[in-house]
């Protein structure tokens, strides 16, 4: 009734062994793969906070805005000055949003 290929396709689909193409939005959902872009507005090393004017952060459903973020490690702020263009990773934790990585994008 079924050919070998049809049978293999049915078995693969039933077991979840089908290789599907990666969707474009998959990358935007993973904070590990995506760095957001922004510009430093203010740096408060003592408080461990940075103000960033950022572009949309799709994985967190945020529009473009200027926002104050906590940083996981205040040492990440050393050398950053207002006006610097940066790329950063932001994650949500129990206290709100926290930046876990910052790079100058020059």
PDB file of N, CA and C in Angstrom:
ATOM      1  N   UNK A   1       0.825  -1.176   0.000  1.00  0.00           N
ATOM      2  CA  UNK A   1       0.000   0.000   0.000  1.00  0.00           C
ATOM      3  C   UNK A   1       0.878   1.251   0.000  1.00  0.00           C
ATOM      4  N   UNK A   2       1.748   1.383   0.996  1.00  0.00           N
ATOM      5  CA  UNK A   2       2.693   2.500   1.037  1.00  0.00           C
ATOM      6  C   UNK A   2       3.999   2.072   0.394  1.00  0.00           C
ATOM      7  N   UNK A   3       4.650   3.001  -0.294  1.00  0.00           N
ATOM      8  CA  UNK A   3       5.997   2.753  -0.771  1.00  0.00           C
ATOM      9  C   UNK A   3       6.963   2.943   0.386  1.00  0.00           C
ATOM     10  N   UNK A   4       8.200   2.540   0.181  1.00  0.00           N
ATOM     11  CA  UNK A   4       9.193   2.653   1.248  1.00  0.00           C
ATOM     12  C   UNK A   4       9.392   4.100   1.694  1.00  0.00           C
ATOM     13  N   UNK A   5       9.473   5.017   0.746  1.00  0.00           N
ATOM     14  CA  UNK A   5       9.680   6.426   1.090  1.00  0.00           C
ATOM     15  C   UNK A   5       8.492   6.984   1.871  1.00  0.00           C
ATOM     16  N   UNK A   6       7.298   6.664   1.435  1.00  0.00           N
ATOM     17  CA  UNK A   6       6.111   7.155   2.129  1.00  0.00           C
ATOM     18  C   UNK A   6       6.066   6.597   3.540  1.00  0.00           C
ATOM     19  N   UNK A   7       6.390   5.316   3.687  1.00  0.00           N
ATOM     20  CA  UNK A   7       6.388   4.695   4.997  1.00  0.00           C
ATOM     21  C   UNK A   7       7.443   5.338   5.901  1.00  0.00           C
ATOM     22  N   UNK A   8       8.632   5.577   5.367  1.00  0.00           N
ATOM     23  CA  UNK A   8       9.703   6.209   6.131  1.00  0.00           C
ATOM     24  C   UNK A   8       9.292   7.612   6.560  1.00  0.00           C
ATOM     25  N   UNK A   9       8.623   8.349   5.692  1.00  0.00           N
ATOM     26  CA  UNK A   9       8.177   9.694   6.019  1.00  0.00           C
ATOM     27  C   UNK A   9       7.137   9.671   7.131  1.00  0.00           C
ATOM     28  N   UNK A  10       6.223   8.702   7.085  1.00  0.00           N
ATOM     29  CA  UNK A  10       5.195   8.582   8.121  1.00  0.00           C
ATOM     30  C   UNK A  10       5.832   8.230   9.456  1.00  0.00           C
ATOM     31  N   UNK A  11       6.783   7.300   9.447  1.00  0.00           N
ATOM     32  CA  UNK A  11       7.468   6.904  10.674  1.00  0.00           C
ATOM     33  C   UNK A  11       8.263   8.083  11.234  1.00  0.00           C
ATOM     34  N   UNK A  12       8.980   8.795  10.383  1.00  0.00           N
ATOM     35  CA  UNK A  12       9.779   9.937  10.832  1.00  0.00           C
ATOM     36  C   UNK A  12       8.879  11.016  11.429  1.00  0.00           C
ATOM     37  N   UNK A  13       7.764  11.291  10.777  1.00  0.00           N
ATOM     38  CA  UNK A  13       6.843  12.316  11.286  1.00  0.00           C
ATOM     39  C   UNK A  13       6.236  11.897  12.623  1.00  0.00           C
ATOM     40  N   UNK A  14       5.911  10.626  12.751  1.00  0.00           N
ATOM     41  CA  UNK A  14       5.290  10.145  13.982  1.00  0.00           C
ATOM     42  C   UNK A  14       6.266  10.144  15.156  1.00  0.00           C
ATOM     43  N   UNK A  15       7.544   9.980  14.868  1.00  0.00           N
ATOM     44  CA  UNK A  15       8.533   9.930  15.946  1.00  0.00           C
ATOM     45  C   UNK A  15       9.220  11.266  16.178  1.00  0.00           C
ATOM     46  N   UNK A  16       8.890  12.242  15.385  1.00  0.00           N
ATOM     47  CA  UNK A  16       9.506  13.555  15.552  1.00  0.00           C
ATOM     48  C   UNK A  16      10.901  13.629  14.967  1.00  0.00           C
ATOM     49  N   UNK A  17      11.254  12.716  14.113  1.00  0.00           N
ATOM     50  CA  UNK A  17      12.600  12.663  13.546  1.00  0.00           C
ATOM     51  C   UNK A  17      12.705  13.407  12.230  1.00  0.00           C
ATOM     52  N   UNK A  18      11.807  14.308  11.988  1.00  0.00           N
ATOM     53  CA  UNK A  18      11.820  15.052  10.740  1.00  0.00           C
ATOM     54  C   UNK A  18      12.734  16.264  10.893  1.00  0.00           C
ATOM     55  N   UNK A  19      13.615  16.455   9.944  1.00  0.00           N
ATOM     56  CA  UNK A  19      14.498  17.625   9.969  1.00  0.00           C
ATOM     57  C   UNK A  19      13.768  18.778   9.303  1.00  0.00           C
ATOM     58  N   UNK A  20      13.414  19.781  10.098  1.00  0.00           N
ATOM     59  CA  UNK A  20      12.723  20.941   9.560  1.00  0.00           C
ATOM     60  C   UNK A  20      13.718  22.077   9.372  1.00  0.00           C
ATOM     61  N   UNK A  21      13.490  22.920   8.377  1.00  0.00           N
ATOM     62  CA  UNK A  21      14.393  24.053   8.199  1.00  0.00           C
ATOM     63  C   UNK A  21      14.287  25.005   9.384  1.00  0.00           C
ATOM     64  N   UNK A  22      15.408  25.634   9.717  1.00  0.00           N
ATOM     65  CA  UNK A  22      15.403  26.608  10.817  1.00  0.00           C
ATOM     66  C   UNK A  22      14.582  27.814  10.415  1.00  0.00           C
ATOM     67  N   UNK A  23      13.770  28.284  11.311  1.00  0.00           N
ATOM     68  CA  UNK A  23      12.959  29.465  11.050  1.00  0.00           C
ATOM     69  C   UNK A  23      13.738  30.708  11.426  1.00  0.00           C
ATOM     70  N   UNK A  24      13.505  31.789  10.718  1.00  0.00           N
ATOM     71  CA  UNK A  24      14.240  33.025  10.954  1.00  0.00           C
ATOM     72  C   UNK A  24      14.065  33.519  12.381  1.00  0.00           C
ATOM     73  N   UNK A  25      12.903  33.338  12.956  1.00  0.00           N
ATOM     74  CA  UNK A  25      12.670  33.858  14.297  1.00  0.00           C
ATOM     75  C   UNK A  25      13.289  32.994  15.378  1.00  0.00           C
ATOM     76  N   UNK A  26      13.747  31.789  15.049  1.00  0.00           N
ATOM     77  CA  UNK A  26      14.390  30.946  16.056  1.00  0.00           C
ATOM     78  C   UNK A  26      15.582  31.650  16.697  1.00  0.00           C
ATOM     79  N   UNK A  27      16.406  32.297  15.880  1.00  0.00           N
ATOM     80  CA  UNK A  27      17.599  32.964  16.407  1.00  0.00           C
ATOM     81  C   UNK A  27      17.218  34.120  17.317  1.00  0.00           C
ATOM     82  N   UNK A  28      16.129  34.810  16.995  1.00  0.00           N
ATOM     83  CA  UNK A  28      15.757  35.959  17.810  1.00  0.00           C
ATOM     84  C   UNK A  28      15.205  35.539  19.167  1.00  0.00           C
ATOM     85  N   UNK A  29      14.831  34.301  19.329  1.00  0.00           N
ATOM     86  CA  UNK A  29      14.287  33.847  20.598  1.00  0.00           C
ATOM     87  C   UNK A  29      15.371  33.395  21.564  1.00  0.00           C
ATOM     88  N   UNK A  30      16.559  33.202  21.057  1.00  0.00           N
ATOM     89  CA  UNK A  30      17.632  32.724  21.909  1.00  0.00           C
ATOM     90  C   UNK A  30      18.553  33.856  22.303  1.00  0.00           C
ATOM     91  N   UNK A  31      18.546  34.229  23.564  1.00  0.00           N
ATOM     92  CA  UNK A  31      19.427  35.269  24.054  1.00  0.00           C
ATOM     93  C   UNK A  31      20.890  34.908  23.899  1.00  0.00           C
ATOM     94  N   UNK A  32      21.187  33.616  23.798  1.00  0.00           N
ATOM     95  CA  UNK A  32      22.562  33.180  23.637  1.00  0.00           C
ATOM     96  C   UNK A  32      23.113  33.553  22.274  1.00  0.00           C
ATOM     97  N   UNK A  33      22.296  33.639  21.271  1.00  0.00           N
ATOM     98  CA  UNK A  33      22.776  33.890  19.919  1.00  0.00           C
ATOM     99  C   UNK A  33      22.655  35.349  19.494  1.00  0.00           C
ATOM    100  N   UNK A  34      21.861  36.125  20.181  1.00  0.00           N
ATOM    101  CA  UNK A  34      21.531  37.458  19.702  1.00  0.00           C
ATOM    102  C   UNK A  34      22.125  38.535  20.599  1.00  0.00           C
ATOM    103  N   UNK A  35      22.814  39.479  19.971  1.00  0.00           N
ATOM    104  CA  UNK A  35      23.270  40.668  20.678  1.00  0.00           C
ATOM    105  C   UNK A  35      22.456  41.836  20.158  1.00  0.00           C
ATOM    106  N   UNK A  36      21.990  42.664  21.065  1.00  0.00           N
ATOM    107  CA  UNK A  36      21.216  43.837  20.695  1.00  0.00           C
ATOM    108  C   UNK A  36      22.165  45.006  20.459  1.00  0.00           C
ATOM    109  N   UNK A  37      21.703  45.984  19.681  1.00  0.00           N
ATOM    110  CA  UNK A  37      22.521  47.157  19.368  1.00  0.00           C
ATOM    111  C   UNK A  37      22.012  48.367  20.124  1.00  0.00           C
ATOM    112  N   UNK A  38      22.946  49.221  20.531  1.00  0.00           N
ATOM    113  CA  UNK A  38      22.544  50.428  21.231  1.00  0.00           C
ATOM    114  C   UNK A  38      23.673  51.427  21.348  1.00  0.00           C
ATOM    115  N   UNK A  39      23.358  52.525  22.050  1.00  0.00           N
ATOM    116  CA  UNK A  39      24.318  53.596  22.295  1.00  0.00           C
ATOM    117  C   UNK A  39      24.288  53.916  23.784  1.00  0.00           C
ATOM    118  N   UNK A  40      25.471  54.018  24.393  1.00  0.00           N
ATOM    119  CA  UNK A  40      25.568  54.323  25.812  1.00  0.00           C
ATOM    120  C   UNK A  40      25.145  55.774  26.050  1.00  0.00           C
ATOM    121  N   UNK A  41      24.231  55.966  27.001  1.00  0.00           N
ATOM    122  CA  UNK A  41      23.786  57.298  27.388  1.00  0.00           C
ATOM    123  C   UNK A  41      24.453  57.706  28.703  1.00  0.00           C
ATOM    124  N   UNK A  42      24.535  56.765  29.654  1.00  0.00           N
ATOM    125  CA  UNK A  42      25.130  57.049  30.949  1.00  0.00           C
ATOM    126  C   UNK A  42      25.685  55.754  31.542  1.00  0.00           C
ATOM    127  N   UNK A  43      26.759  55.886  32.309  1.00  0.00           N
ATOM    128  CA  UNK A  43      27.361  54.740  32.992  1.00  0.00           C
ATOM    129  C   UNK A  43      27.468  55.072  34.478  1.00  0.00           C
ATOM    130  N   UNK A  44      26.928  54.194  35.328  1.00  0.00           N
ATOM    131  CA  UNK A  44      27.022  54.352  36.774  1.00  0.00           C
ATOM    132  C   UNK A  44      27.691  53.102  37.333  1.00  0.00           C
ATOM    133  N   UNK A  45      29.023  53.117  37.334  1.00  0.00           N
ATOM    134  CA  UNK A  45      29.796  51.949  37.754  1.00  0.00           C
ATOM    135  C   UNK A  45      29.519  51.590  39.208  1.00  0.00           C
ATOM    136  N   UNK A  46      29.399  52.598  40.069  1.00  0.00           N
ATOM    137  CA  UNK A  46      29.160  52.342  41.500  1.00  0.00           C
ATOM    138  C   UNK A  46      27.860  51.580  41.735  1.00  0.00           C
ATOM    139  N   UNK A  47      26.820  51.914  40.972  1.00  0.00           N
ATOM    140  CA  UNK A  47      25.521  51.250  41.124  1.00  0.00           C
ATOM    141  C   UNK A  47      25.415  49.992  40.259  1.00  0.00           C
ATOM    142  N   UNK A  48      26.390  49.779  39.368  1.00  0.00           N
ATOM    143  CA  UNK A  48      26.329  48.621  38.471  1.00  0.00           C
ATOM    144  C   UNK A  48      25.220  48.750  37.446  1.00  0.00           C
ATOM    145  N   UNK A  49      25.019  49.995  36.930  1.00  0.00           N
ATOM    146  CA  UNK A  49      23.935  50.237  35.977  1.00  0.00           C
ATOM    147  C   UNK A  49      24.446  51.034  34.778  1.00  0.00           C
ATOM    148  N   UNK A  50      23.756  50.840  33.667  1.00  0.00           N
ATOM    149  CA  UNK A  50      24.078  51.551  32.439  1.00  0.00           C
ATOM    150  C   UNK A  50      22.773  51.962  31.765  1.00  0.00           C
ATOM    151  N   UNK A  51      22.759  53.172  31.239  1.00  0.00           N
ATOM    152  CA  UNK A  51      21.604  53.644  30.479  1.00  0.00           C
ATOM    153  C   UNK A  51      21.946  53.492  29.011  1.00  0.00           C
ATOM    154  N   UNK A  52      21.069  52.810  28.286  1.00  0.00           N
ATOM    155  CA  UNK A  52      21.308  52.519  26.867  1.00  0.00           C
ATOM    156  C   UNK A  52      20.107  52.959  26.038  1.00  0.00           C
ATOM    157  N   UNK A  53      20.390  53.651  24.948  1.00  0.00           N
ATOM    158  CA  UNK A  53      19.377  53.922  23.921  1.00  0.00           C
ATOM    159  C   UNK A  53      19.511  52.756  22.949  1.00  0.00           C
ATOM    160  N   UNK A  54      18.508  51.878  22.941  1.00  0.00           N
ATOM    161  CA  UNK A  54      18.658  50.647  22.163  1.00  0.00           C
ATOM    162  C   UNK A  54      17.605  50.512  21.067  1.00  0.00           C
ATOM    163  N   UNK A  55      17.952  49.686  20.106  1.00  0.00           N
ATOM    164  CA  UNK A  55      17.030  49.313  19.037  1.00  0.00           C
ATOM    165  C   UNK A  55      16.106  48.225  19.579  1.00  0.00           C
ATOM    166  N   UNK A  56      15.102  47.813  18.807  1.00  0.00           N
ATOM    167  CA  UNK A  56      14.189  46.771  19.307  1.00  0.00           C
ATOM    168  C   UNK A  56      14.947  45.519  19.771  1.00  0.00           C
ATOM    169  N   UNK A  57      14.492  44.958  20.875  1.00  0.00           N
ATOM    170  CA  UNK A  57      15.031  43.703  21.396  1.00  0.00           C
ATOM    171  C   UNK A  57      13.918  42.676  21.232  1.00  0.00           C
ATOM    172  N   UNK A  58      13.924  42.012  20.102  1.00  0.00           N
ATOM    173  CA  UNK A  58      12.788  41.167  19.716  1.00  0.00           C
ATOM    174  C   UNK A  58      12.558  39.989  20.650  1.00  0.00           C
ATOM    175  N   UNK A  59      13.630  39.380  21.170  1.00  0.00           N
ATOM    176  CA  UNK A  59      13.429  38.205  22.023  1.00  0.00           C
ATOM    177  C   UNK A  59      12.764  38.559  23.343  1.00  0.00           C
ATOM    178  N   UNK A  60      12.788  39.856  23.714  1.00  0.00           N
ATOM    179  CA  UNK A  60      12.124  40.304  24.945  1.00  0.00           C
ATOM    180  C   UNK A  60      10.911  41.180  24.640  1.00  0.00           C
ATOM    181  N   UNK A  61      10.542  41.264  23.378  1.00  0.00           N
ATOM    182  CA  UNK A  61       9.371  42.020  22.927  1.00  0.00           C
ATOM    183  C   UNK A  61       9.460  43.494  23.326  1.00  0.00           C
ATOM    184  N   UNK A  62      10.641  44.088  23.183  1.00  0.00           N
ATOM    185  CA  UNK A  62      10.848  45.489  23.533  1.00  0.00           C
ATOM    186  C   UNK A  62      11.007  46.326  22.271  1.00  0.00           C
ATOM    187  N   UNK A  63      10.363  47.471  22.268  1.00  0.00           N
ATOM    188  CA  UNK A  63      10.545  48.419  21.176  1.00  0.00           C
ATOM    189  C   UNK A  63      11.807  49.231  21.441  1.00  0.00           C
ATOM    190  N   UNK A  64      12.200  50.051  20.466  1.00  0.00           N
ATOM    191  CA  UNK A  64      13.332  50.959  20.659  1.00  0.00           C
ATOM    192  C   UNK A  64      12.996  51.913  21.790  1.00  0.00           C
ATOM    193  N   UNK A  65      13.973  52.138  22.678  1.00  0.00           N
ATOM    194  CA  UNK A  65      13.769  53.066  23.792  1.00  0.00           C
ATOM    195  C   UNK A  65      15.090  53.319  24.483  1.00  0.00           C
ATOM    196  N   UNK A  66      15.081  54.236  25.434  1.00  0.00           N
ATOM    197  CA  UNK A  66      16.226  54.472  26.302  1.00  0.00           C
ATOM    198  C   UNK A  66      15.856  53.897  27.658  1.00  0.00           C
ATOM    199  N   UNK A  67      16.761  53.083  28.213  1.00  0.00           N
ATOM    200  CA  UNK A  67      16.426  52.332  29.411  1.00  0.00           C
ATOM    201  C   UNK A  67      17.658  52.135  30.285  1.00  0.00           C
ATOM    202  N   UNK A  68      17.445  52.094  31.597  1.00  0.00           N
ATOM    203  CA  UNK A  68      18.519  51.796  32.540  1.00  0.00           C
ATOM    204  C   UNK A  68      18.519  50.296  32.797  1.00  0.00           C
ATOM    205  N   UNK A  69      19.691  49.678  32.657  1.00  0.00           N
ATOM    206  CA  UNK A  69      19.841  48.240  32.889  1.00  0.00           C
ATOM    207  C   UNK A  69      20.841  47.998  34.013  1.00  0.00           C
ATOM    208  N   UNK A  70      20.601  46.955  34.796  1.00  0.00           N
ATOM    209  CA  UNK A  70      21.612  46.444  35.718  1.00  0.00           C
ATOM    210  C   UNK A  70      22.589  45.617  34.900  1.00  0.00           C
ATOM    211  N   UNK A  71      23.820  45.488  35.387  1.00  0.00           N
ATOM    212  CA  UNK A  71      24.784  44.612  34.728  1.00  0.00           C
ATOM    213  C   UNK A  71      25.155  43.488  35.678  1.00  0.00           C
ATOM    214  N   UNK A  72      25.400  42.317  35.124  1.00  0.00           N
ATOM    215  CA  UNK A  72      25.733  41.155  35.943  1.00  0.00           C
ATOM    216  C   UNK A  72      27.049  41.379  36.682  1.00  0.00           C
ATOM    217  N   UNK A  73      27.997  42.027  36.008  1.00  0.00           N
ATOM    218  CA  UNK A  73      29.307  42.289  36.589  1.00  0.00           C
ATOM    219  C   UNK A  73      29.685  43.744  36.317  1.00  0.00           C
ATOM    220  N   UNK A  74      29.780  44.584  37.352  1.00  0.00           N
ATOM    221  CA  UNK A  74      30.112  45.996  37.141  1.00  0.00           C
ATOM    222  C   UNK A  74      31.429  46.221  36.391  1.00  0.00           C
ATOM    223  N   UNK A  75      32.315  45.253  36.398  1.00  0.00           N
ATOM    224  CA  UNK A  75      33.578  45.375  35.661  1.00  0.00           C
ATOM    225  C   UNK A  75      33.343  45.520  34.154  1.00  0.00           C
ATOM    226  N   UNK A  76      32.180  45.066  33.678  1.00  0.00           N
ATOM    227  CA  UNK A  76      31.849  45.200  32.246  1.00  0.00           C
ATOM    228  C   UNK A  76      31.723  46.657  31.840  1.00  0.00           C
ATOM    229  N   UNK A  77      31.498  47.539  32.803  1.00  0.00           N
ATOM    230  CA  UNK A  77      31.271  48.951  32.506  1.00  0.00           C
ATOM    231  C   UNK A  77      32.563  49.746  32.359  1.00  0.00           C
ATOM    232  N   UNK A  78      33.677  49.182  32.801  1.00  0.00           N
ATOM    233  CA  UNK A  78      34.951  49.887  32.744  1.00  0.00           C
ATOM    234  C   UNK A  78      35.312  50.184  31.283  1.00  0.00           C
ATOM    235  N   UNK A  79      35.624  51.438  31.030  1.00  0.00           N
ATOM    236  CA  UNK A  79      36.029  51.857  29.691  1.00  0.00           C
ATOM    237  C   UNK A  79      34.888  52.325  28.806  1.00  0.00           C
ATOM    238  N   UNK A  80      33.639  52.132  29.247  1.00  0.00           N
ATOM    239  CA  UNK A  80      32.498  52.592  28.460  1.00  0.00           C
ATOM    240  C   UNK A  80      32.192  54.049  28.796  1.00  0.00           C
ATOM    241  N   UNK A  81      31.895  54.845  27.776  1.00  0.00           N
ATOM    242  CA  UNK A  81      31.564  56.249  27.984  1.00  0.00           C
ATOM    243  C   UNK A  81      30.330  56.604  27.161  1.00  0.00           C
ATOM    244  N   UNK A  82      29.600  57.641  27.592  1.00  0.00           N
ATOM    245  CA  UNK A  82      28.431  58.065  26.817  1.00  0.00           C
ATOM    246  C   UNK A  82      28.798  58.321  25.359  1.00  0.00           C
ATOM    247  N   UNK A  83      27.934  57.838  24.484  1.00  0.00           N
ATOM    248  CA  UNK A  83      28.149  57.968  23.046  1.00  0.00           C
ATOM    249  C   UNK A  83      28.713  56.712  22.399  1.00  0.00           C
ATOM    250  N   UNK A  84      29.297  55.807  23.197  1.00  0.00           N
ATOM    251  CA  UNK A  84      29.836  54.560  22.634  1.00  0.00           C
ATOM    252  C   UNK A  84      28.718  53.736  22.010  1.00  0.00           C
ATOM    253  N   UNK A  85      28.985  53.210  20.832  1.00  0.00           N
ATOM    254  CA  UNK A  85      28.060  52.262  20.210  1.00  0.00           C
ATOM    255  C   UNK A  85      28.434  50.880  20.724  1.00  0.00           C
ATOM    256  N   UNK A  86      27.420  50.144  21.176  1.00  0.00           N
ATOM    257  CA  UNK A  86      27.670  48.836  21.777  1.00  0.00           C
ATOM    258  C   UNK A  86      26.723  47.780  21.214  1.00  0.00           C
ATOM    259  N   UNK A  87      27.117  46.550  21.460  1.00  0.00           N
ATOM    260  CA  UNK A  87      26.252  45.388  21.265  1.00  0.00           C
ATOM    261  C   UNK A  87      26.210  44.712  22.624  1.00  0.00           C
ATOM    262  N   UNK A  88      25.028  44.234  23.008  1.00  0.00           N
ATOM    263  CA  UNK A  88      24.893  43.682  24.356  1.00  0.00           C
ATOM    264  C   UNK A  88      23.867  42.562  24.381  1.00  0.00           C
ATOM    265  N   UNK A  89      24.019  41.721  25.396  1.00  0.00           N
ATOM    266  CA  UNK A  89      23.038  40.646  25.626  1.00  0.00           C
ATOM    267  C   UNK A  89      22.311  40.977  26.918  1.00  0.00           C
ATOM    268  N   UNK A  90      21.000  40.997  26.834  1.00  0.00           N
ATOM    269  CA  UNK A  90      20.189  41.267  28.023  1.00  0.00           C
ATOM    270  C   UNK A  90      19.275  40.078  28.258  1.00  0.00           C
ATOM    271  N   UNK A  91      19.119  39.731  29.524  1.00  0.00           N
ATOM    272  CA  UNK A  91      18.265  38.616  29.914  1.00  0.00           C
ATOM    273  C   UNK A  91      17.316  39.085  31.011  1.00  0.00           C
ATOM    274  N   UNK A  92      16.248  38.347  31.178  1.00  0.00           N
ATOM    275  CA  UNK A  92      15.293  38.638  32.246  1.00  0.00           C
ATOM    276  C   UNK A  92      15.601  37.702  33.410  1.00  0.00           C
ATOM    277  N   UNK A  93      15.653  38.277  34.617  1.00  0.00           N
ATOM    278  CA  UNK A  93      15.808  37.446  35.804  1.00  0.00           C
ATOM    279  C   UNK A  93      14.706  37.811  36.793  1.00  0.00           C
ATOM    280  N   UNK A  94      14.808  37.339  38.011  1.00  0.00           N
ATOM    281  CA  UNK A  94      13.742  37.569  38.992  1.00  0.00           C
ATOM    282  C   UNK A  94      13.611  39.029  39.405  1.00  0.00           C
ATOM    283  N   UNK A  95      14.653  39.835  39.162  1.00  0.00           N
ATOM    284  CA  UNK A  95      14.624  41.240  39.541  1.00  0.00           C
ATOM    285  C   UNK A  95      14.396  42.178  38.356  1.00  0.00           C
ATOM    286  N   UNK A  96      14.188  41.651  37.186  1.00  0.00           N
ATOM    287  CA  UNK A  96      13.988  42.481  35.991  1.00  0.00           C
ATOM    288  C   UNK A  96      14.957  42.093  34.889  1.00  0.00           C
ATOM    289  N   UNK A  97      15.540  43.100  34.252  1.00  0.00           N
ATOM    290  CA  UNK A  97      16.458  42.853  33.144  1.00  0.00           C
ATOM    291  C   UNK A  97      17.888  43.067  33.610  1.00  0.00           C
ATOM    292  N   UNK A  98      18.785  42.211  33.111  1.00  0.00           N
ATOM    293  CA  UNK A  98      20.200  42.311  33.463  1.00  0.00           C
ATOM    294  C   UNK A  98      21.038  42.065  32.216  1.00  0.00           C
ATOM    295  N   UNK A  99      22.072  42.878  32.055  1.00  0.00           N
ATOM    296  CA  UNK A  99      22.980  42.708  30.924  1.00  0.00           C
ATOM    297  C   UNK A  99      24.058  41.721  31.337  1.00  0.00           C
ATOM    298  N   UNK A 100      24.264  40.707  30.491  1.00  0.00           N
ATOM    299  CA  UNK A 100      25.240  39.665  30.792  1.00  0.00           C
ATOM    300  C   UNK A 100      26.477  39.727  29.900  1.00  0.00           C
ATOM    301  N   UNK A 101      26.429  40.616  28.869  1.00  0.00           N
ATOM    302  CA  UNK A 101      27.579  40.748  27.964  1.00  0.00           C
ATOM    303  C   UNK A 101      27.497  42.111  27.280  1.00  0.00           C
ATOM    304  N   UNK A 102      28.638  42.771  27.134  1.00  0.00           N
ATOM    305  CA  UNK A 102      28.706  44.050  26.420  1.00  0.00           C
ATOM    306  C   UNK A 102      29.953  44.048  25.542  1.00  0.00           C
ATOM    307  N   UNK A 103      29.803  44.524  24.305  1.00  0.00           N
ATOM    308  CA  UNK A 103      30.924  44.686  23.384  1.00  0.00           C
ATOM    309  C   UNK A 103      30.852  46.055  22.751  1.00  0.00           C
ATOM    310  N   UNK A 104      31.986  46.728  22.627  1.00  0.00           N
ATOM    311  CA  UNK A 104      32.015  47.965  21.837  1.00  0.00           C
ATOM    312  C   UNK A 104      31.867  47.572  20.377  1.00  0.00           C
ATOM    313  N   UNK A 105      31.005  48.260  19.657  1.00  0.00           N
ATOM    314  CA  UNK A 105      30.824  47.910  18.242  1.00  0.00           C
ATOM    315  C   UNK A 105      31.507  48.890  17.313  1.00  0.00           C
ATOM    316  N   UNK A 106      32.101  49.907  17.855  1.00  0.00           N
ATOM    317  CA  UNK A 106      32.877  50.935  17.138  1.00  0.00           C
ATOM    318  C   UNK A 106      32.399  51.168  15.786  1.00  0.00           C
TER     319      UNK A 106
END
